[in-house]
């Protein structure tokens, strides 16, 4: 037990640093514009990555419920890789393209902005949860891993699914 606590603590500074650096870097890069025309239309691609992430997370949940630990581990690593890929593509898109304005009205507008705002806030909040959950797994602190995974899984799944919903809702307004 003592070794697990020490192992967890050696990652704490990295978790805190990444949990701050990632959102700050994204915010800064949003202000950077590069005059490059990309050969592909990225939003449907990164929305697809979000959809795949949600699917992989559900598969990882099913795998662990069936006690398929190695499969669960591989799926979670894949979900993390997909999330990193999404983030890189998302930043690239916003550095090379103007933001699209949502054109809906009435209740649809309020629903869109509710989903968008909760998606953005939870995408920031989920970073330390994913990192802590992952560290507790790799340091074999399984009981604490299970406890925080019960929070991390629905947060991460919500972020992945709402990323797709936001894309679907705004896609008619892409120019």
Protein backbone atom coordinates (compact mmCIF):
# COMPACT_ATOMS: atom_id res chain seq x y z
CA UNK A 1 0.00 0.00 0.00
CA UNK A 2 2.77 2.47 0.92
CA UNK A 3 4.60 1.84 -2.38
CA UNK A 4 1.39 2.54 -4.34
CA UNK A 5 1.00 5.92 -2.58
CA UNK A 6 4.61 6.81 -3.37
CA UNK A 7 4.16 5.72 -6.99
CA UNK A 8 1.01 7.84 -7.28
CA UNK A 9 2.73 10.87 -5.76
CA UNK A 10 5.67 10.80 -8.17
CA UNK A 11 3.18 11.42 -11.01
CA UNK A 12 1.26 14.21 -9.26
CA UNK A 13 3.42 17.09 -10.55
CA UNK A 14 3.14 15.77 -14.10
CA UNK A 15 -0.64 15.41 -13.78
CA UNK A 16 -1.01 18.94 -12.42
CA UNK A 17 1.33 20.34 -15.09
CA UNK A 18 -0.49 18.62 -17.96
CA UNK A 19 -3.89 19.54 -16.53
CA UNK A 20 -2.88 23.20 -16.69
CA UNK A 21 -0.63 23.24 -19.76
CA UNK A 22 -3.06 21.49 -22.13
CA UNK A 23 -6.04 23.87 -21.69
CA UNK A 24 -3.77 26.96 -21.59
CA UNK A 25 -1.95 25.84 -24.75
CA UNK A 26 -5.27 25.23 -26.52
CA UNK A 27 -6.51 28.68 -25.48
CA UNK A 28 -3.30 30.34 -26.70
CA UNK A 29 -3.24 28.40 -29.96
CA UNK A 30 -6.85 29.43 -30.63
CA UNK A 31 -5.48 32.95 -31.03
CA UNK A 32 -2.81 31.88 -33.50
CA UNK A 33 -3.87 31.94 -37.14
CA UNK A 34 -1.82 30.25 -39.83
CA UNK A 35 -2.62 31.14 -43.42
CA UNK A 36 -2.61 27.60 -44.78
CA UNK A 37 -5.34 25.87 -46.70
CA UNK A 38 -5.66 22.31 -45.52
CA UNK A 39 -6.24 19.55 -48.06
CA UNK A 40 -8.98 17.96 -45.96
CA UNK A 41 -12.07 19.11 -44.13
CA UNK A 42 -11.20 18.33 -40.52
CA UNK A 43 -14.42 18.74 -38.47
CA UNK A 44 -16.13 15.55 -39.70
CA UNK A 45 -12.86 13.69 -39.19
CA UNK A 46 -12.36 14.81 -35.62
CA UNK A 47 -16.07 14.30 -34.90
CA UNK A 48 -15.53 10.74 -36.17
CA UNK A 49 -12.57 10.41 -33.81
CA UNK A 50 -14.83 11.52 -30.94
CA UNK A 51 -17.43 8.94 -31.96
CA UNK A 52 -14.76 6.25 -32.12
CA UNK A 53 -13.46 7.34 -28.70
CA UNK A 54 -16.94 6.96 -27.22
CA UNK A 55 -17.27 3.49 -28.78
CA UNK A 56 -13.82 2.44 -27.49
CA UNK A 57 -14.66 3.69 -23.99
CA UNK A 58 -17.84 1.63 -23.94
CA UNK A 59 -15.89 -1.39 -25.21
CA UNK A 60 -13.29 -0.85 -22.46
CA UNK A 61 -16.08 -0.70 -19.88
CA UNK A 62 -17.57 -3.94 -21.20
CA UNK A 63 -14.12 -5.58 -21.24
CA UNK A 64 -13.45 -4.75 -17.59
CA UNK A 65 -16.93 -5.93 -16.60
CA UNK A 66 -16.02 -9.27 -18.20
CA UNK A 67 -12.66 -9.26 -16.34
CA UNK A 68 -10.71 -8.94 -19.60
CA UNK A 69 -8.05 -6.74 -18.04
CA UNK A 70 -5.50 -6.75 -20.89
CA UNK A 71 -8.18 -5.91 -23.44
CA UNK A 72 -9.46 -3.13 -21.16
CA UNK A 73 -5.92 -1.77 -20.83
CA UNK A 74 -5.34 -1.78 -24.61
CA UNK A 75 -8.69 -0.11 -25.27
CA UNK A 76 -8.04 2.64 -22.73
CA UNK A 77 -4.61 3.32 -24.23
CA UNK A 78 -6.29 3.50 -27.65
CA UNK A 79 -8.94 5.92 -26.27
CA UNK A 80 -6.18 8.13 -24.86
CA UNK A 81 -4.37 8.07 -28.22
CA UNK A 82 -7.63 8.97 -29.99
CA UNK A 83 -8.19 11.85 -27.59
CA UNK A 84 -4.69 13.18 -28.23
CA UNK A 85 -5.21 12.83 -31.99
CA UNK A 86 -8.54 14.66 -31.70
CA UNK A 87 -6.92 17.47 -29.75
CA UNK A 88 -4.13 17.89 -32.30
CA UNK A 89 -6.59 17.96 -35.21
CA UNK A 90 -8.93 20.31 -33.36
CA UNK A 91 -6.10 22.77 -32.66
CA UNK A 92 -4.88 22.49 -36.27
CA UNK A 93 -8.35 23.24 -37.59
CA UNK A 94 -8.81 26.29 -35.38
CA UNK A 95 -5.35 27.62 -36.23
CA UNK A 96 -6.09 27.43 -39.95
CA UNK A 97 -9.82 28.20 -40.13
CA UNK A 98 -12.23 30.79 -38.82
CA UNK A 99 -14.66 29.62 -36.16
CA UNK A 100 -18.11 28.73 -37.43
CA UNK A 101 -21.01 30.65 -35.92
CA UNK A 102 -24.05 28.65 -34.88
CA UNK A 103 -27.07 29.84 -36.85
CA UNK A 104 -29.88 28.11 -35.03
CA UNK A 105 -32.57 29.99 -33.15
CA UNK A 106 -34.91 29.53 -30.23
CA UNK A 107 -34.66 26.45 -28.06
CA UNK A 108 -32.17 24.87 -30.47
CA UNK A 109 -29.75 27.74 -29.89
CA UNK A 110 -29.99 27.42 -26.10
CA UNK A 111 -29.61 23.63 -26.31
CA UNK A 112 -26.58 23.97 -28.58
CA UNK A 113 -24.85 26.43 -26.28
CA UNK A 114 -25.66 24.35 -23.20
CA UNK A 115 -24.14 21.27 -24.83
CA UNK A 116 -21.15 23.25 -26.16
CA UNK A 117 -20.37 24.94 -22.83
CA UNK A 118 -20.70 21.74 -20.79
CA UNK A 119 -18.61 19.93 -23.42
CA UNK A 120 -15.83 22.52 -23.21
CA UNK A 121 -15.82 22.76 -19.40
CA UNK A 122 -15.90 19.00 -18.92
CA UNK A 123 -13.21 18.47 -21.59
CA UNK A 124 -10.92 20.57 -19.39
CA UNK A 125 -12.06 18.91 -16.16
CA UNK A 126 -11.66 15.37 -17.53
CA UNK A 127 -7.92 15.78 -18.23
CA UNK A 128 -6.73 15.30 -14.63
CA UNK A 129 -9.35 12.59 -14.09
CA UNK A 130 -8.06 10.57 -17.05
CA UNK A 131 -4.45 11.06 -15.98
CA UNK A 132 -5.08 10.15 -12.33
CA UNK A 133 -7.15 7.12 -13.32
CA UNK A 134 -4.44 5.96 -15.71
CA UNK A 135 -1.66 6.48 -13.15
CA UNK A 136 -3.56 4.51 -10.53
CA UNK A 137 -3.86 1.65 -13.02
CA UNK A 138 -0.20 1.62 -14.07
CA UNK A 139 0.94 1.86 -10.44
CA UNK A 140 -1.32 -1.07 -9.61
CA UNK A 141 -3.40 0.96 -7.16
CA UNK A 142 -6.49 -0.87 -8.39
CA UNK A 143 -8.94 -0.01 -5.59
CA UNK A 144 -8.32 3.73 -6.00
CA UNK A 145 -8.33 3.23 -9.79
CA UNK A 146 -11.80 1.70 -9.61
CA UNK A 147 -13.12 4.52 -7.42
CA UNK A 148 -11.99 7.33 -9.69
CA UNK A 149 -12.81 5.41 -12.87
CA UNK A 150 -16.47 5.54 -11.80
CA UNK A 151 -16.22 9.32 -12.19
CA UNK A 152 -13.81 9.45 -15.12
CA UNK A 153 -15.73 7.09 -17.40
CA UNK A 154 -19.03 9.04 -17.55
CA UNK A 155 -17.20 12.38 -17.81
CA UNK A 156 -14.98 11.20 -20.66
CA UNK A 157 -17.89 9.48 -22.40
CA UNK A 158 -20.00 12.65 -22.13
CA UNK A 159 -17.18 14.73 -23.63
CA UNK A 160 -16.73 12.29 -26.51
CA UNK A 161 -20.45 12.04 -27.28
CA UNK A 162 -21.16 15.75 -26.95
CA UNK A 163 -18.25 16.47 -29.29
CA UNK A 164 -20.17 14.56 -31.95
CA UNK A 165 -23.45 16.26 -31.04
CA UNK A 166 -21.86 19.72 -31.28
CA UNK A 167 -20.46 18.84 -34.72
CA UNK A 168 -23.83 17.56 -35.94
CA UNK A 169 -25.61 20.65 -34.66
CA UNK A 170 -23.16 23.14 -36.18
CA UNK A 171 -22.38 21.29 -39.42
CA UNK A 172 -25.18 22.99 -41.44
CA UNK A 173 -23.45 26.32 -40.78
CA UNK A 174 -19.99 25.45 -42.10
CA UNK A 175 -19.16 27.66 -45.06
